[in-house]
Amino acid sequence: MKKMGVLDAKKLFYEILQEKIDYKSGLEKIKNIKTKNKVLKGYIFGVLSITNKKIKKYSFVLEKSDLTTILRLNNIVTSLGDNRFIGDFEKGYFLAWKDYINFFLKTRKEDK
């Protein structure tokens, strides 16, 4: 199996969000990424927590939020991800959220 990095996982995540690949098989591919890279592990965890339909009802739902709240969340997630005092795993987790929010904002602009 090809060695995968964060950019490969991001590409897979975007393909899932754009519905270019099947939701279940895309998540299965992300789950099956084997790595020792802590940033990538955090990114995978972030993607899985964002897309987990079982916990979605308890988590922050972008679709039900106004633009100001989403932009504020994006700033918070970005600053947390850039914080030099957090670990690599957390950086990967916040990077997944940042990618998700940016994708959501981009598609929201295209819908209008």
C-alpha atoms as a PDB file:
ATOM      1  CA  MET A   1       0.000   0.000   0.000  1.00  0.00           C
ATOM      2  CA  LYS A   2       1.199   3.484  -0.877  1.00  0.00           C
ATOM      3  CA  LYS A   3       2.421   5.586   2.020  1.00  0.00           C
ATOM      4  CA  MET A   4      -0.162   8.306   2.630  1.00  0.00           C
ATOM      5  CA  GLY A   5       0.248  11.772   4.068  1.00  0.00           C
ATOM      6  CA  VAL A   6      -2.039  14.514   5.317  1.00  0.00           C
ATOM      7  CA  LEU A   7      -2.540  15.861   1.786  1.00  0.00           C
ATOM      8  CA  ASP A   8      -3.712  12.429   0.606  1.00  0.00           C
ATOM      9  CA  ALA A   9      -6.153  12.219   3.518  1.00  0.00           C
ATOM     10  CA  LYS A  10      -7.360  15.756   2.760  1.00  0.00           C
ATOM     11  CA  LYS A  11      -7.960  14.795  -0.867  1.00  0.00           C
ATOM     12  CA  LEU A  12      -9.984  11.768   0.255  1.00  0.00           C
ATOM     13  CA  PHE A  13     -11.948  13.930   2.729  1.00  0.00           C
ATOM     14  CA  TYR A  14     -12.810  16.448  -0.007  1.00  0.00           C
ATOM     15  CA  GLU A  15     -13.844  13.644  -2.365  1.00  0.00           C
ATOM     16  CA  ILE A  16     -16.218  12.370   0.332  1.00  0.00           C
ATOM     17  CA  LEU A  17     -17.628  15.853   0.944  1.00  0.00           C
ATOM     18  CA  GLN A  18     -18.048  16.474  -2.804  1.00  0.00           C
ATOM     19  CA  GLU A  19     -19.679  13.048  -3.129  1.00  0.00           C
ATOM     20  CA  LYS A  20     -17.137  12.003  -5.773  1.00  0.00           C
ATOM     21  CA  ILE A  21     -16.674   8.735  -3.912  1.00  0.00           C
ATOM     22  CA  ASP A  22     -19.111   6.722  -1.863  1.00  0.00           C
ATOM     23  CA  TYR A  23     -19.413   7.961   1.745  1.00  0.00           C
ATOM     24  CA  LYS A  24     -18.906   4.532   3.335  1.00  0.00           C
ATOM     25  CA  SER A  25     -16.012   3.425   1.156  1.00  0.00           C
ATOM     26  CA  GLY A  26     -14.313   6.821   1.500  1.00  0.00           C
ATOM     27  CA  LEU A  27     -14.485   6.688   5.290  1.00  0.00           C
ATOM     28  CA  GLU A  28     -13.278   3.104   5.200  1.00  0.00           C
ATOM     29  CA  LYS A  29     -10.230   4.207   3.166  1.00  0.00           C
ATOM     30  CA  ILE A  30      -9.493   6.945   5.693  1.00  0.00           C
ATOM     31  CA  LYS A  31      -9.920   4.545   8.634  1.00  0.00           C
ATOM     32  CA  ASN A  32      -7.512   2.098   7.022  1.00  0.00           C
ATOM     33  CA  ILE A  33      -4.641   4.587   6.681  1.00  0.00           C
ATOM     34  CA  LYS A  34      -1.816   3.205   8.784  1.00  0.00           C
ATOM     35  CA  THR A  35       0.715   5.743   9.976  1.00  0.00           C
ATOM     36  CA  LYS A  36       2.983   6.735  12.820  1.00  0.00           C
ATOM     37  CA  ASN A  37       2.645  10.418  11.889  1.00  0.00           C
ATOM     38  CA  LYS A  38       0.773  12.073  14.761  1.00  0.00           C
ATOM     39  CA  VAL A  39      -0.525  14.963  12.636  1.00  0.00           C
ATOM     40  CA  LEU A  40      -2.040  12.473  10.192  1.00  0.00           C
ATOM     41  CA  LYS A  41      -3.509  10.428  13.058  1.00  0.00           C
ATOM     42  CA  GLY A  42      -5.111  13.586  14.429  1.00  0.00           C
ATOM     43  CA  TYR A  43      -6.424  14.495  10.980  1.00  0.00           C
ATOM     44  CA  ILE A  44      -7.969  11.047  10.572  1.00  0.00           C
ATOM     45  CA  PHE A  45      -9.553  11.300  14.013  1.00  0.00           C
ATOM     46  CA  GLY A  46     -10.914  14.746  13.114  1.00  0.00           C
ATOM     47  CA  VAL A  47     -12.411  13.526   9.836  1.00  0.00           C
ATOM     48  CA  LEU A  48     -14.021  10.548  11.522  1.00  0.00           C
ATOM     49  CA  SER A  49     -15.455  12.670  14.331  1.00  0.00           C
ATOM     50  CA  ILE A  50     -16.812  15.263  11.874  1.00  0.00           C
ATOM     51  CA  THR A  51     -18.437  12.654   9.668  1.00  0.00           C
ATOM     52  CA  ASN A  52     -19.707  10.302  12.384  1.00  0.00           C
ATOM     53  CA  LYS A  53     -23.477  10.401  11.989  1.00  0.00           C
ATOM     54  CA  LYS A  54     -24.050   8.903  15.464  1.00  0.00           C
ATOM     55  CA  ILE A  55     -22.406  11.800  17.317  1.00  0.00           C
ATOM     56  CA  LYS A  56     -23.443  14.469  14.792  1.00  0.00           C
ATOM     57  CA  LYS A  57     -26.532  15.323  16.833  1.00  0.00           C
ATOM     58  CA  TYR A  58     -24.301  16.227  19.793  1.00  0.00           C
ATOM     59  CA  SER A  59     -21.679  18.191  17.891  1.00  0.00           C
ATOM     60  CA  PHE A  60     -21.514  21.602  16.279  1.00  0.00           C
ATOM     61  CA  VAL A  61     -23.580  21.612  13.069  1.00  0.00           C
ATOM     62  CA  LEU A  62     -22.359  24.123  10.496  1.00  0.00           C
ATOM     63  CA  GLU A  63     -25.533  23.885   8.440  1.00  0.00           C
ATOM     64  CA  LYS A  64     -27.595  25.344  11.298  1.00  0.00           C
ATOM     65  CA  SER A  65     -25.203  28.201  12.049  1.00  0.00           C
ATOM     66  CA  ASP A  66     -25.085  31.740  10.761  1.00  0.00           C
ATOM     67  CA  LEU A  67     -22.109  33.028   8.771  1.00  0.00           C
ATOM     68  CA  THR A  68     -20.716  35.141  11.636  1.00  0.00           C
ATOM     69  CA  THR A  69     -20.590  32.123  13.962  1.00  0.00           C
ATOM     70  CA  ILE A  70     -18.951  29.963  11.306  1.00  0.00           C
ATOM     71  CA  LEU A  71     -16.296  32.594  10.569  1.00  0.00           C
ATOM     72  CA  ARG A  72     -15.622  32.984  14.298  1.00  0.00           C
ATOM     73  CA  LEU A  73     -15.261  29.217  14.637  1.00  0.00           C
ATOM     74  CA  ASN A  74     -12.899  29.189  11.662  1.00  0.00           C
ATOM     75  CA  ASN A  75     -10.698  31.805  13.365  1.00  0.00           C
ATOM     76  CA  ILE A  76     -10.686  29.826  16.614  1.00  0.00           C
ATOM     77  CA  VAL A  77      -9.853  26.532  14.893  1.00  0.00           C
ATOM     78  CA  THR A  78      -7.098  28.199  12.846  1.00  0.00           C
ATOM     79  CA  SER A  79      -5.512  29.832  15.887  1.00  0.00           C
ATOM     80  CA  LEU A  80      -5.684  26.580  17.864  1.00  0.00           C
ATOM     81  CA  GLY A  81      -4.110  24.663  14.984  1.00  0.00           C
ATOM     82  CA  ASP A  82      -1.325  27.234  14.697  1.00  0.00           C
ATOM     83  CA  ASN A  83      -0.635  27.287  18.448  1.00  0.00           C
ATOM     84  CA  ARG A  84       2.912  26.116  19.061  1.00  0.00           C
ATOM     85  CA  PHE A  85       2.012  24.718  22.476  1.00  0.00           C
ATOM     86  CA  ILE A  86      -0.332  21.976  21.283  1.00  0.00           C
ATOM     87  CA  GLY A  87       0.747  18.562  20.140  1.00  0.00           C
ATOM     88  CA  ASP A  88       0.918  17.212  16.614  1.00  0.00           C
ATOM     89  CA  PHE A  89      -2.196  15.059  17.067  1.00  0.00           C
ATOM     90  CA  GLU A  90      -4.252  18.115  18.025  1.00  0.00           C
ATOM     91  CA  LYS A  91      -2.808  20.087  15.097  1.00  0.00           C
ATOM     92  CA  GLY A  92      -4.054  17.370  12.758  1.00  0.00           C
ATOM     93  CA  TYR A  93      -7.476  17.380  14.425  1.00  0.00           C
ATOM     94  CA  PHE A  94      -7.853  21.145  14.050  1.00  0.00           C
ATOM     95  CA  LEU A  95      -6.563  20.969  10.473  1.00  0.00           C
ATOM     96  CA  ALA A  96      -9.416  18.573   9.639  1.00  0.00           C
ATOM     97  CA  TRP A  97     -11.910  21.023  11.113  1.00  0.00           C
ATOM     98  CA  LYS A  98     -10.314  23.916   9.250  1.00  0.00           C
ATOM     99  CA  ASP A  99     -10.561  21.996   5.961  1.00  0.00           C
ATOM    100  CA  TYR A 100     -14.189  21.100   6.680  1.00  0.00           C
ATOM    101  CA  ILE A 101     -15.158  24.685   7.509  1.00  0.00           C
ATOM    102  CA  ASN A 102     -13.359  26.047   4.438  1.00  0.00           C
ATOM    103  CA  PHE A 103     -15.088  23.484   2.224  1.00  0.00           C
ATOM    104  CA  PHE A 104     -18.441  24.369   3.758  1.00  0.00           C
ATOM    105  CA  LEU A 105     -17.870  28.114   3.252  1.00  0.00           C
ATOM    106  CA  LYS A 106     -16.763  27.568  -0.349  1.00  0.00           C
ATOM    107  CA  THR A 107     -19.812  25.477  -1.231  1.00  0.00           C
ATOM    108  CA  ARG A 108     -22.097  27.881   0.609  1.00  0.00           C
ATOM    109  CA  LYS A 109     -20.810  30.763  -1.566  1.00  0.00           C
ATOM    110  CA  GLU A 110     -21.290  28.675  -4.722  1.00  0.00           C
ATOM    111  CA  ASP A 111     -24.916  27.949  -3.760  1.00  0.00           C
ATOM    112  CA  LYS A 112     -25.778  31.638  -3.626  1.00  0.00           C
END
